Amino acid sequence: MWRFTAVLFAIAAMVGLAMVHGSVYAQPSHGNPHADKQLICHVADSTSAHIIEVALPAVPAHLRNHGDCIINSTDRNLIGQPCDPTDANGDDICDIQP
């Protein structure tokens, strides 16, 4: 009986830990870089670009591999809107901001 109780307690502890750790880890206020986001003007193909939101660690790859540029706004209503990915001075910030 004690083995059953120990196994049941271990399972309950793992489930509880996963629930608490997952919710705490997802909060941006705890310094989790995975929860911090940046709006960028993403070049979808040779004819169009639109605003997307990406995790901060993914921003350098988007800028380097896609020709994207950074949008200075934090307005999430802009996601999906067309944008101009022109960055004439090469500072990775879009010259024309929405």
N, C-alpha and C. Protein backbone atom coordinates (compact mmCIF):
# COMPACT_ATOMS: atom_id res chain seq x y z
N MET A 1 0.82 -1.20 0.00
CA MET A 1 0.00 0.00 0.00
C MET A 1 0.86 1.26 0.00
N TRP A 2 1.97 1.23 0.70
CA TRP A 2 2.82 2.41 0.75
C TRP A 2 3.43 2.71 -0.60
N ARG A 3 3.69 1.66 -1.41
CA ARG A 3 4.23 1.89 -2.76
C ARG A 3 3.20 2.61 -3.62
N PHE A 4 1.97 2.17 -3.52
CA PHE A 4 0.90 2.83 -4.28
C PHE A 4 0.78 4.29 -3.88
N THR A 5 0.84 4.57 -2.60
CA THR A 5 0.76 5.94 -2.10
C THR A 5 1.95 6.77 -2.59
N ALA A 6 3.14 6.17 -2.57
CA ALA A 6 4.34 6.89 -3.02
C ALA A 6 4.26 7.20 -4.52
N VAL A 7 3.80 6.25 -5.31
CA VAL A 7 3.66 6.47 -6.76
C VAL A 7 2.59 7.53 -7.02
N LEU A 8 1.49 7.45 -6.33
CA LEU A 8 0.42 8.45 -6.50
C LEU A 8 0.91 9.84 -6.12
N PHE A 9 1.66 9.94 -5.03
CA PHE A 9 2.22 11.22 -4.61
C PHE A 9 3.22 11.76 -5.64
N ALA A 10 4.06 10.88 -6.17
CA ALA A 10 5.04 11.30 -7.18
C ALA A 10 4.36 11.81 -8.44
N ILE A 11 3.33 11.13 -8.89
CA ILE A 11 2.59 11.58 -10.08
C ILE A 11 1.92 12.92 -9.82
N ALA A 12 1.30 13.07 -8.66
CA ALA A 12 0.65 14.34 -8.33
C ALA A 12 1.67 15.47 -8.26
N ALA A 13 2.85 15.19 -7.71
CA ALA A 13 3.89 16.22 -7.62
C ALA A 13 4.38 16.63 -9.00
N MET A 14 4.56 15.67 -9.91
CA MET A 14 5.01 16.01 -11.26
C MET A 14 3.97 16.81 -12.02
N VAL A 15 2.71 16.43 -11.88
CA VAL A 15 1.64 17.18 -12.56
C VAL A 15 1.56 18.59 -11.99
N GLY A 16 1.63 18.72 -10.68
CA GLY A 16 1.58 20.04 -10.06
C GLY A 16 2.75 20.91 -10.47
N LEU A 17 3.94 20.34 -10.50
CA LEU A 17 5.12 21.08 -10.91
C LEU A 17 5.01 21.54 -12.36
N ALA A 18 4.54 20.66 -13.23
CA ALA A 18 4.39 21.02 -14.65
C ALA A 18 3.37 22.15 -14.82
N MET A 19 2.29 22.11 -14.06
CA MET A 19 1.27 23.15 -14.18
C MET A 19 1.80 24.49 -13.68
N VAL A 20 2.47 24.51 -12.55
CA VAL A 20 2.97 25.77 -11.99
C VAL A 20 4.13 26.29 -12.83
N HIS A 21 5.06 25.43 -13.19
CA HIS A 21 6.23 25.86 -13.95
C HIS A 21 5.82 26.39 -15.33
N GLY A 22 4.89 25.74 -15.99
CA GLY A 22 4.45 26.18 -17.31
C GLY A 22 3.80 27.55 -17.28
N SER A 23 2.95 27.81 -16.30
CA SER A 23 2.27 29.10 -16.24
C SER A 23 3.21 30.22 -15.83
N VAL A 24 4.15 29.94 -14.94
CA VAL A 24 5.11 30.96 -14.51
C VAL A 24 6.10 31.25 -15.63
N TYR A 25 6.53 30.21 -16.33
CA TYR A 25 7.53 30.35 -17.39
C TYR A 25 7.02 31.17 -18.56
N ALA A 26 5.73 31.15 -18.80
CA ALA A 26 5.15 31.86 -19.95
C ALA A 26 4.91 33.34 -19.69
N GLN A 27 5.09 33.80 -18.48
CA GLN A 27 4.82 35.19 -18.15
C GLN A 27 6.00 36.08 -18.54
N PRO A 28 5.77 37.14 -19.35
CA PRO A 28 6.86 38.02 -19.73
C PRO A 28 7.43 38.81 -18.55
N SER A 29 6.66 38.99 -17.49
CA SER A 29 7.13 39.78 -16.36
C SER A 29 8.22 39.07 -15.57
N HIS A 30 8.46 37.80 -15.83
CA HIS A 30 9.48 37.05 -15.12
C HIS A 30 10.79 36.99 -15.89
N GLY A 31 10.96 37.85 -16.88
CA GLY A 31 12.22 37.91 -17.60
C GLY A 31 12.41 36.78 -18.59
N ASN A 32 11.35 36.14 -19.02
CA ASN A 32 11.44 35.03 -19.95
C ASN A 32 11.55 35.58 -21.37
N PRO A 33 12.69 35.40 -22.05
CA PRO A 33 12.83 35.96 -23.39
C PRO A 33 11.92 35.32 -24.41
N HIS A 34 11.41 34.11 -24.11
CA HIS A 34 10.54 33.44 -25.06
C HIS A 34 9.17 34.11 -25.13
N ALA A 35 8.80 34.89 -24.12
CA ALA A 35 7.51 35.53 -24.11
C ALA A 35 7.57 36.94 -24.69
N ASP A 36 8.77 37.50 -24.88
CA ASP A 36 8.90 38.84 -25.42
C ASP A 36 8.83 38.79 -26.94
N LYS A 37 8.06 39.69 -27.53
CA LYS A 37 7.81 39.67 -28.98
C LYS A 37 8.20 40.99 -29.62
N GLN A 38 8.42 40.95 -30.92
CA GLN A 38 8.75 42.14 -31.71
C GLN A 38 7.95 42.10 -33.00
N LEU A 39 7.39 43.24 -33.39
CA LEU A 39 6.73 43.34 -34.69
C LEU A 39 7.78 43.62 -35.75
N ILE A 40 7.69 42.89 -36.85
CA ILE A 40 8.60 43.13 -37.97
C ILE A 40 7.82 43.14 -39.27
N CYS A 41 8.38 43.83 -40.25
CA CYS A 41 7.83 43.82 -41.61
C CYS A 41 8.48 42.63 -42.32
N HIS A 42 7.71 41.59 -42.55
CA HIS A 42 8.21 40.33 -43.09
C HIS A 42 8.00 40.26 -44.60
N VAL A 43 9.08 40.02 -45.32
CA VAL A 43 9.01 39.88 -46.77
C VAL A 43 8.53 38.46 -47.06
N ALA A 44 7.28 38.34 -47.50
CA ALA A 44 6.69 37.03 -47.75
C ALA A 44 7.17 36.44 -49.07
N ASP A 45 7.24 37.25 -50.09
CA ASP A 45 7.76 36.82 -51.40
C ASP A 45 8.27 38.06 -52.11
N SER A 46 8.56 37.96 -53.38
CA SER A 46 9.15 39.10 -54.10
C SER A 46 8.17 40.24 -54.34
N THR A 47 6.89 40.02 -54.10
CA THR A 47 5.90 41.06 -54.40
C THR A 47 5.16 41.60 -53.19
N SER A 48 5.29 40.97 -52.03
CA SER A 48 4.50 41.46 -50.89
C SER A 48 5.25 41.32 -49.58
N ALA A 49 4.84 42.15 -48.63
CA ALA A 49 5.37 42.10 -47.27
C ALA A 49 4.23 42.44 -46.32
N HIS A 50 4.26 41.85 -45.15
CA HIS A 50 3.22 42.12 -44.15
C HIS A 50 3.84 42.07 -42.76
N ILE A 51 3.12 42.62 -41.80
CA ILE A 51 3.61 42.71 -40.43
C ILE A 51 3.31 41.40 -39.69
N ILE A 52 4.35 40.87 -39.06
CA ILE A 52 4.19 39.68 -38.23
C ILE A 52 4.82 39.95 -36.86
N GLU A 53 4.50 39.08 -35.91
CA GLU A 53 5.08 39.17 -34.58
C GLU A 53 5.94 37.93 -34.37
N VAL A 54 7.18 38.13 -33.97
CA VAL A 54 8.08 37.01 -33.72
C VAL A 54 8.73 37.15 -32.34
N ALA A 55 9.18 36.04 -31.81
CA ALA A 55 9.90 36.06 -30.53
C ALA A 55 11.23 36.79 -30.72
N LEU A 56 11.66 37.52 -29.71
CA LEU A 56 12.90 38.29 -29.82
C LEU A 56 14.10 37.47 -30.26
N PRO A 57 14.27 36.22 -29.78
CA PRO A 57 15.42 35.44 -30.26
C PRO A 57 15.38 35.14 -31.75
N ALA A 58 14.21 35.19 -32.39
CA ALA A 58 14.09 34.89 -33.82
C ALA A 58 14.27 36.12 -34.71
N VAL A 59 14.30 37.31 -34.12
CA VAL A 59 14.40 38.53 -34.92
C VAL A 59 15.68 38.58 -35.76
N PRO A 60 16.86 38.31 -35.19
CA PRO A 60 18.08 38.37 -36.02
C PRO A 60 18.03 37.46 -37.24
N ALA A 61 17.47 36.27 -37.09
CA ALA A 61 17.38 35.35 -38.23
C ALA A 61 16.45 35.90 -39.29
N HIS A 62 15.34 36.50 -38.90
CA HIS A 62 14.42 37.09 -39.87
C HIS A 62 15.09 38.24 -40.61
N LEU A 63 15.79 39.09 -39.88
CA LEU A 63 16.46 40.23 -40.52
C LEU A 63 17.53 39.76 -41.50
N ARG A 64 18.26 38.74 -41.12
CA ARG A 64 19.37 38.24 -41.94
C ARG A 64 18.89 37.42 -43.14
N ASN A 65 17.89 36.56 -42.93
CA ASN A 65 17.51 35.59 -43.96
C ASN A 65 16.37 36.02 -44.87
N HIS A 66 15.56 36.96 -44.43
CA HIS A 66 14.38 37.32 -45.21
C HIS A 66 14.40 38.74 -45.74
N GLY A 67 15.31 39.56 -45.26
CA GLY A 67 15.30 40.96 -45.65
C GLY A 67 14.23 41.75 -44.93
N ASP A 68 13.82 41.26 -43.77
CA ASP A 68 12.79 41.94 -42.98
C ASP A 68 13.38 43.15 -42.28
N CYS A 69 12.50 43.99 -41.72
CA CYS A 69 12.94 45.12 -40.93
C CYS A 69 12.01 45.29 -39.73
N ILE A 70 12.48 46.01 -38.73
CA ILE A 70 11.78 46.15 -37.45
C ILE A 70 10.74 47.26 -37.52
N ILE A 71 9.57 46.97 -36.96
CA ILE A 71 8.50 47.95 -36.78
C ILE A 71 8.59 48.45 -35.33
N ASN A 72 8.61 49.75 -35.13
CA ASN A 72 8.77 50.32 -33.79
C ASN A 72 7.49 50.33 -32.96
N SER A 73 6.39 49.92 -33.52
CA SER A 73 5.12 49.94 -32.81
C SER A 73 4.94 48.68 -31.96
N THR A 74 4.13 48.78 -30.92
CA THR A 74 3.74 47.61 -30.14
C THR A 74 2.26 47.30 -30.32
N ASP A 75 1.62 47.94 -31.29
CA ASP A 75 0.20 47.75 -31.56
C ASP A 75 -0.02 46.43 -32.29
N ARG A 76 -0.53 45.44 -31.59
CA ARG A 76 -0.75 44.11 -32.18
C ARG A 76 -1.84 44.11 -33.24
N ASN A 77 -2.62 45.18 -33.34
CA ASN A 77 -3.64 45.28 -34.38
C ASN A 77 -3.02 45.42 -35.76
N LEU A 78 -1.73 45.74 -35.81
CA LEU A 78 -1.04 45.87 -37.10
C LEU A 78 -0.68 44.53 -37.73
N ILE A 79 -0.72 43.46 -36.95
CA ILE A 79 -0.33 42.13 -37.46
C ILE A 79 -1.20 41.77 -38.65
N GLY A 80 -0.53 41.38 -39.73
CA GLY A 80 -1.22 41.00 -40.97
C GLY A 80 -1.37 42.13 -41.97
N GLN A 81 -1.14 43.36 -41.53
CA GLN A 81 -1.28 44.51 -42.42
C GLN A 81 -0.09 44.57 -43.38
N PRO A 82 -0.29 45.08 -44.60
CA PRO A 82 0.83 45.24 -45.52
C PRO A 82 1.81 46.30 -45.00
N CYS A 83 3.07 46.18 -45.39
CA CYS A 83 4.08 47.13 -44.95
C CYS A 83 5.15 47.28 -46.02
N ASP A 84 6.01 48.27 -45.84
CA ASP A 84 7.10 48.55 -46.77
C ASP A 84 8.42 48.17 -46.09
N PRO A 85 9.11 47.13 -46.59
CA PRO A 85 10.33 46.67 -45.93
C PRO A 85 11.60 47.45 -46.30
N THR A 86 11.44 48.69 -46.77
CA THR A 86 12.60 49.48 -47.17
C THR A 86 13.45 49.86 -45.96
N ASP A 87 14.75 49.57 -46.04
CA ASP A 87 15.71 49.93 -44.99
C ASP A 87 16.95 50.48 -45.69
N ALA A 88 16.85 51.71 -46.17
CA ALA A 88 17.91 52.30 -46.99
C ALA A 88 19.21 52.52 -46.21
N ASN A 89 19.11 52.84 -44.92
CA ASN A 89 20.33 53.13 -44.16
C ASN A 89 20.92 51.90 -43.48
N GLY A 90 20.30 50.74 -43.62
CA GLY A 90 20.85 49.49 -43.11
C GLY A 90 20.85 49.33 -41.61
N ASP A 91 19.97 50.04 -40.88
CA ASP A 91 19.95 49.92 -39.42
C ASP A 91 18.92 48.90 -38.92
N ASP A 92 18.32 48.13 -39.83
CA ASP A 92 17.34 47.08 -39.55
C ASP A 92 15.98 47.62 -39.11
N ILE A 93 15.81 48.93 -39.08
CA ILE A 93 14.52 49.53 -38.73
C ILE A 93 13.89 50.03 -40.02
N CYS A 94 12.61 49.68 -40.23
CA CYS A 94 11.91 50.07 -41.44
C CYS A 94 11.92 51.59 -41.58
N ASP A 95 12.23 52.05 -42.79
CA ASP A 95 12.23 53.50 -43.04
C ASP A 95 10.83 54.07 -42.98
N ILE A 96 9.85 53.30 -43.44
CA ILE A 96 8.46 53.75 -43.43
C ILE A 96 7.71 52.94 -42.38
N GLN A 97 7.35 53.60 -41.29
CA GLN A 97 6.66 52.96 -40.19
C GLN A 97 5.15 53.11 -40.36
N PRO A 98 4.39 52.08 -39.96
CA PRO A 98 2.92 52.20 -40.05
C PRO A 98 2.37 53.16 -39.02
